[in-house]
Amino acid sequence: MNIIAYTYEADYHCVDCTVKRYQSGGFDKASPDYPYYIGDEVDGQGVGHDSLDSEGNYAHPLFSTDEWQEFDEGFMAENPTQYLACGDCHEVIEEYTHESRG
């Protein structure tokens, strides 16, 4: 089970962009230029466990075993290939192609 992305600011973000934003050290947590909190204890990627975004929500890891796809039959019929893309750099993080059973 690997971390493939993080969710914060109401979007998905790749590990590299998340690490750039939430890397430990280098930020003054009291500064108005950084309206988010960077956690002190970090995960294997270097992202703080209790890091908060600008809305006060936690930055959550998305694991390789988590669901991110839309499984509505009508949606899948029109969009058989779905992409998980980073909200910052727009790189494709993961891809899922629905295999029709009929």
N, C-alpha and C. Protein backbone atom coordinates (compact mmCIF):
# COMPACT_ATOMS: atom_id res chain seq x y z
N MET A 1 0.86 -1.17 0.00
CA MET A 1 0.00 0.00 0.00
C MET A 1 0.90 1.23 0.00
N ASN A 2 0.92 1.94 -1.10
CA ASN A 2 1.76 3.11 -1.28
C ASN A 2 0.93 4.37 -1.36
N ILE A 3 1.49 5.49 -0.94
CA ILE A 3 0.83 6.78 -1.12
C ILE A 3 1.06 7.20 -2.56
N ILE A 4 -0.06 7.44 -3.30
CA ILE A 4 0.07 7.86 -4.70
C ILE A 4 -0.25 9.35 -4.87
N ALA A 5 -0.96 9.93 -3.90
CA ALA A 5 -1.35 11.34 -4.00
C ALA A 5 -1.83 11.80 -2.62
N TYR A 6 -2.16 13.06 -2.55
CA TYR A 6 -2.75 13.64 -1.33
C TYR A 6 -3.96 14.47 -1.73
N THR A 7 -4.89 14.62 -0.80
CA THR A 7 -6.02 15.50 -1.03
C THR A 7 -5.92 16.68 -0.07
N TYR A 8 -6.01 17.88 -0.63
CA TYR A 8 -6.11 19.13 0.14
C TYR A 8 -6.56 20.21 -0.83
N GLU A 9 -7.05 21.31 -0.28
CA GLU A 9 -7.58 22.41 -1.10
C GLU A 9 -8.62 21.89 -2.09
N ALA A 10 -9.42 20.89 -1.66
CA ALA A 10 -10.52 20.33 -2.46
C ALA A 10 -10.05 19.78 -3.81
N ASP A 11 -8.86 19.16 -3.83
CA ASP A 11 -8.32 18.60 -5.07
C ASP A 11 -7.31 17.51 -4.74
N TYR A 12 -6.91 16.78 -5.75
CA TYR A 12 -5.84 15.78 -5.61
C TYR A 12 -4.52 16.43 -6.01
N HIS A 13 -3.43 16.00 -5.37
CA HIS A 13 -2.11 16.54 -5.66
C HIS A 13 -1.10 15.41 -5.63
N CYS A 14 -0.15 15.43 -6.58
CA CYS A 14 0.87 14.39 -6.62
C CYS A 14 1.79 14.51 -5.41
N VAL A 15 2.55 13.47 -5.17
CA VAL A 15 3.45 13.44 -4.02
C VAL A 15 4.48 14.56 -4.12
N ASP A 16 5.07 14.77 -5.30
CA ASP A 16 6.11 15.80 -5.45
C ASP A 16 5.59 17.20 -5.12
N CYS A 17 4.43 17.56 -5.63
CA CYS A 17 3.86 18.88 -5.35
C CYS A 17 3.49 19.02 -3.87
N THR A 18 3.00 17.94 -3.28
CA THR A 18 2.65 17.98 -1.86
C THR A 18 3.89 18.15 -1.00
N VAL A 19 4.94 17.44 -1.34
CA VAL A 19 6.19 17.55 -0.57
C VAL A 19 6.73 18.97 -0.68
N LYS A 20 6.65 19.57 -1.87
CA LYS A 20 7.12 20.95 -2.03
C LYS A 20 6.35 21.90 -1.12
N ARG A 21 5.04 21.68 -1.01
CA ARG A 21 4.21 22.56 -0.19
C ARG A 21 4.37 22.28 1.29
N TYR A 22 4.41 21.02 1.66
CA TYR A 22 4.39 20.65 3.08
C TYR A 22 5.71 20.09 3.59
N GLN A 23 6.81 20.34 2.90
CA GLN A 23 8.08 19.81 3.39
C GLN A 23 8.35 20.36 4.79
N SER A 24 8.89 19.53 5.64
CA SER A 24 9.14 19.98 7.00
C SER A 24 10.31 20.94 7.02
N GLY A 25 10.19 21.94 7.85
CA GLY A 25 11.22 22.96 7.97
C GLY A 25 11.10 23.99 6.87
N GLY A 26 11.74 25.13 7.07
CA GLY A 26 11.78 26.15 6.04
C GLY A 26 10.59 27.09 6.01
N PHE A 27 9.56 26.83 6.78
CA PHE A 27 8.39 27.69 6.79
C PHE A 27 8.17 28.26 8.18
N ASP A 28 7.80 29.51 8.23
CA ASP A 28 7.42 30.13 9.50
C ASP A 28 5.92 29.94 9.65
N LYS A 29 5.52 29.04 10.54
CA LYS A 29 4.10 28.70 10.69
C LYS A 29 3.25 29.89 11.12
N ALA A 30 3.86 30.91 11.72
CA ALA A 30 3.10 32.07 12.16
C ALA A 30 2.98 33.14 11.07
N SER A 31 3.69 32.97 9.96
CA SER A 31 3.69 33.97 8.90
C SER A 31 2.36 34.00 8.16
N PRO A 32 1.84 35.21 7.86
CA PRO A 32 0.59 35.29 7.07
C PRO A 32 0.79 34.84 5.63
N ASP A 33 2.04 34.72 5.19
CA ASP A 33 2.31 34.23 3.83
C ASP A 33 2.06 32.73 3.71
N TYR A 34 2.01 32.03 4.83
CA TYR A 34 1.79 30.59 4.84
C TYR A 34 0.58 30.29 5.70
N PRO A 35 -0.62 30.34 5.10
CA PRO A 35 -1.84 30.19 5.91
C PRO A 35 -2.19 28.75 6.25
N TYR A 36 -1.27 27.85 6.07
CA TYR A 36 -1.52 26.46 6.39
C TYR A 36 -0.46 25.99 7.37
N TYR A 37 -0.81 24.97 8.10
CA TYR A 37 0.07 24.43 9.14
C TYR A 37 0.79 23.21 8.60
N ILE A 38 2.06 23.11 8.88
CA ILE A 38 2.86 21.97 8.46
C ILE A 38 3.12 21.11 9.68
N GLY A 39 2.67 19.88 9.66
CA GLY A 39 2.80 18.99 10.81
C GLY A 39 4.24 18.69 11.17
N ASP A 40 4.46 18.41 12.45
CA ASP A 40 5.80 18.13 12.94
C ASP A 40 6.23 16.68 12.68
N GLU A 41 5.33 15.72 12.88
CA GLU A 41 5.65 14.31 12.60
C GLU A 41 5.32 14.04 11.14
N VAL A 42 6.26 13.44 10.43
CA VAL A 42 6.08 13.27 8.99
C VAL A 42 5.89 11.81 8.61
N ASP A 43 5.25 11.61 7.45
CA ASP A 43 5.09 10.26 6.91
C ASP A 43 6.32 9.90 6.08
N GLY A 44 6.29 8.80 5.40
CA GLY A 44 7.43 8.33 4.61
C GLY A 44 7.80 9.24 3.45
N GLN A 45 6.88 10.13 3.07
CA GLN A 45 7.15 11.07 1.97
C GLN A 45 7.69 12.41 2.49
N GLY A 46 7.68 12.59 3.80
CA GLY A 46 8.14 13.85 4.38
C GLY A 46 7.02 14.85 4.61
N VAL A 47 5.77 14.42 4.49
CA VAL A 47 4.61 15.29 4.68
C VAL A 47 4.10 15.11 6.11
N GLY A 48 3.88 16.21 6.80
CA GLY A 48 3.42 16.15 8.19
C GLY A 48 2.06 15.49 8.33
N HIS A 49 1.93 14.61 9.32
CA HIS A 49 0.67 13.89 9.55
C HIS A 49 -0.50 14.82 9.83
N ASP A 50 -0.25 15.91 10.53
CA ASP A 50 -1.36 16.81 10.88
C ASP A 50 -1.26 18.14 10.12
N SER A 51 -0.77 18.09 8.88
CA SER A 51 -0.69 19.30 8.05
C SER A 51 -2.10 19.74 7.65
N LEU A 52 -2.30 21.03 7.67
CA LEU A 52 -3.60 21.61 7.33
C LEU A 52 -3.47 22.47 6.08
N ASP A 53 -4.56 22.51 5.28
CA ASP A 53 -4.57 23.40 4.13
C ASP A 53 -5.08 24.77 4.57
N SER A 54 -5.28 25.68 3.62
CA SER A 54 -5.68 27.04 3.96
C SER A 54 -7.11 27.14 4.51
N GLU A 55 -7.90 26.06 4.35
CA GLU A 55 -9.26 26.05 4.89
C GLU A 55 -9.33 25.35 6.23
N GLY A 56 -8.19 24.90 6.73
CA GLY A 56 -8.17 24.22 8.03
C GLY A 56 -8.45 22.73 7.95
N ASN A 57 -8.47 22.16 6.74
CA ASN A 57 -8.69 20.73 6.55
C ASN A 57 -7.35 20.01 6.48
N TYR A 58 -7.33 18.77 6.95
CA TYR A 58 -6.11 17.98 6.91
C TYR A 58 -5.75 17.59 5.49
N ALA A 59 -4.46 17.53 5.21
CA ALA A 59 -3.96 17.00 3.95
C ALA A 59 -3.92 15.48 4.12
N HIS A 60 -4.81 14.78 3.41
CA HIS A 60 -4.93 13.33 3.56
C HIS A 60 -4.18 12.59 2.46
N PRO A 61 -3.47 11.53 2.82
CA PRO A 61 -2.85 10.71 1.78
C PRO A 61 -3.89 9.88 1.05
N LEU A 62 -3.66 9.63 -0.22
CA LEU A 62 -4.47 8.73 -1.03
C LEU A 62 -3.58 7.54 -1.34
N PHE A 63 -4.00 6.37 -0.90
CA PHE A 63 -3.20 5.17 -1.06
C PHE A 63 -3.55 4.43 -2.35
N SER A 64 -2.66 3.58 -2.79
CA SER A 64 -2.87 2.82 -4.02
C SER A 64 -4.10 1.92 -3.95
N THR A 65 -4.57 1.62 -2.76
CA THR A 65 -5.74 0.76 -2.59
C THR A 65 -7.04 1.55 -2.41
N ASP A 66 -6.96 2.89 -2.35
CA ASP A 66 -8.15 3.73 -2.18
C ASP A 66 -8.87 3.90 -3.51
N GLU A 67 -10.19 4.11 -3.43
CA GLU A 67 -10.98 4.35 -4.63
C GLU A 67 -10.99 5.85 -4.95
N TRP A 68 -10.73 6.20 -6.18
CA TRP A 68 -10.84 7.58 -6.64
C TRP A 68 -11.66 7.67 -7.92
N GLN A 69 -12.05 6.52 -8.47
CA GLN A 69 -12.76 6.48 -9.74
C GLN A 69 -14.26 6.71 -9.53
N GLU A 70 -14.92 7.10 -10.59
CA GLU A 70 -16.38 7.23 -10.63
C GLU A 70 -16.93 5.93 -11.21
N PHE A 71 -17.76 5.22 -10.44
CA PHE A 71 -18.25 3.91 -10.88
C PHE A 71 -19.70 3.91 -11.35
N ASP A 72 -20.28 5.05 -11.59
CA ASP A 72 -21.63 5.13 -12.13
C ASP A 72 -21.63 4.53 -13.54
N GLU A 73 -22.55 3.61 -13.80
CA GLU A 73 -22.58 2.89 -15.09
C GLU A 73 -22.67 3.84 -16.28
N GLY A 74 -23.51 4.85 -16.19
CA GLY A 74 -23.65 5.80 -17.29
C GLY A 74 -22.37 6.58 -17.53
N PHE A 75 -21.73 7.00 -16.45
CA PHE A 75 -20.48 7.74 -16.57
C PHE A 75 -19.39 6.87 -17.17
N MET A 76 -19.30 5.61 -16.70
CA MET A 76 -18.27 4.70 -17.21
C MET A 76 -18.48 4.37 -18.67
N ALA A 77 -19.75 4.29 -19.12
CA ALA A 77 -20.02 4.00 -20.53
C ALA A 77 -19.49 5.14 -21.41
N GLU A 78 -19.66 6.37 -20.96
CA GLU A 78 -19.20 7.53 -21.73
C GLU A 78 -17.72 7.83 -21.52
N ASN A 79 -17.18 7.44 -20.36
CA ASN A 79 -15.79 7.75 -20.01
C ASN A 79 -15.09 6.49 -19.51
N PRO A 80 -14.78 5.55 -20.40
CA PRO A 80 -14.19 4.29 -19.93
C PRO A 80 -12.81 4.45 -19.30
N THR A 81 -12.05 5.47 -19.71
CA THR A 81 -10.74 5.72 -19.11
C THR A 81 -10.81 6.99 -18.28
N GLN A 82 -10.44 6.85 -17.02
CA GLN A 82 -10.46 7.97 -16.09
C GLN A 82 -9.03 8.25 -15.62
N TYR A 83 -8.76 9.51 -15.38
CA TYR A 83 -7.42 9.92 -14.99
C TYR A 83 -7.46 10.63 -13.65
N LEU A 84 -6.49 10.33 -12.81
CA LEU A 84 -6.27 11.05 -11.57
C LEU A 84 -5.10 11.98 -11.85
N ALA A 85 -5.35 13.29 -11.87
CA ALA A 85 -4.31 14.25 -12.23
C ALA A 85 -4.07 15.21 -11.07
N CYS A 86 -2.86 15.72 -11.00
CA CYS A 86 -2.46 16.65 -9.96
C CYS A 86 -3.10 18.02 -10.21
N GLY A 87 -3.66 18.60 -9.18
CA GLY A 87 -4.26 19.92 -9.28
C GLY A 87 -3.25 21.05 -9.39
N ASP A 88 -1.97 20.76 -9.16
CA ASP A 88 -0.93 21.78 -9.27
C ASP A 88 -0.19 21.69 -10.60
N CYS A 89 0.50 20.57 -10.83
CA CYS A 89 1.33 20.43 -12.05
C CYS A 89 0.56 19.80 -13.21
N HIS A 90 -0.63 19.25 -12.94
CA HIS A 90 -1.52 18.65 -13.94
C HIS A 90 -0.99 17.36 -14.57
N GLU A 91 0.03 16.78 -13.99
CA GLU A 91 0.54 15.49 -14.46
C GLU A 91 -0.44 14.38 -14.06
N VAL A 92 -0.55 13.35 -14.90
CA VAL A 92 -1.41 12.21 -14.60
C VAL A 92 -0.71 11.37 -13.53
N ILE A 93 -1.42 11.14 -12.43
CA ILE A 93 -0.90 10.36 -11.31
C ILE A 93 -1.21 8.88 -11.50
N GLU A 94 -2.44 8.62 -11.88
CA GLU A 94 -2.92 7.24 -12.03
C GLU A 94 -3.98 7.23 -13.13
N GLU A 95 -4.17 6.07 -13.74
CA GLU A 95 -5.16 5.91 -14.81
C GLU A 95 -5.96 4.64 -14.55
N TYR A 96 -7.26 4.70 -14.84
CA TYR A 96 -8.11 3.54 -14.67
C TYR A 96 -8.95 3.39 -15.94
N THR A 97 -8.95 2.21 -16.53
CA THR A 97 -9.79 1.91 -17.69
C THR A 97 -10.79 0.85 -17.31
N HIS A 98 -12.07 1.18 -17.49
CA HIS A 98 -13.16 0.27 -17.16
C HIS A 98 -13.28 -0.79 -18.26
N GLU A 99 -13.30 -2.04 -17.85
CA GLU A 99 -13.47 -3.15 -18.78
C GLU A 99 -14.95 -3.50 -18.82
N SER A 100 -15.57 -3.35 -19.98
CA SER A 100 -16.99 -3.67 -20.13
C SER A 100 -17.22 -5.16 -19.93
N ARG A 101 -18.29 -5.49 -19.23
CA ARG A 101 -18.62 -6.91 -18.93
C ARG A 101 -19.67 -7.45 -19.87
N GLY A 102 -20.00 -6.72 -20.89
CA GLY A 102 -21.09 -7.18 -21.73
C GLY A 102 -20.76 -7.45 -23.10
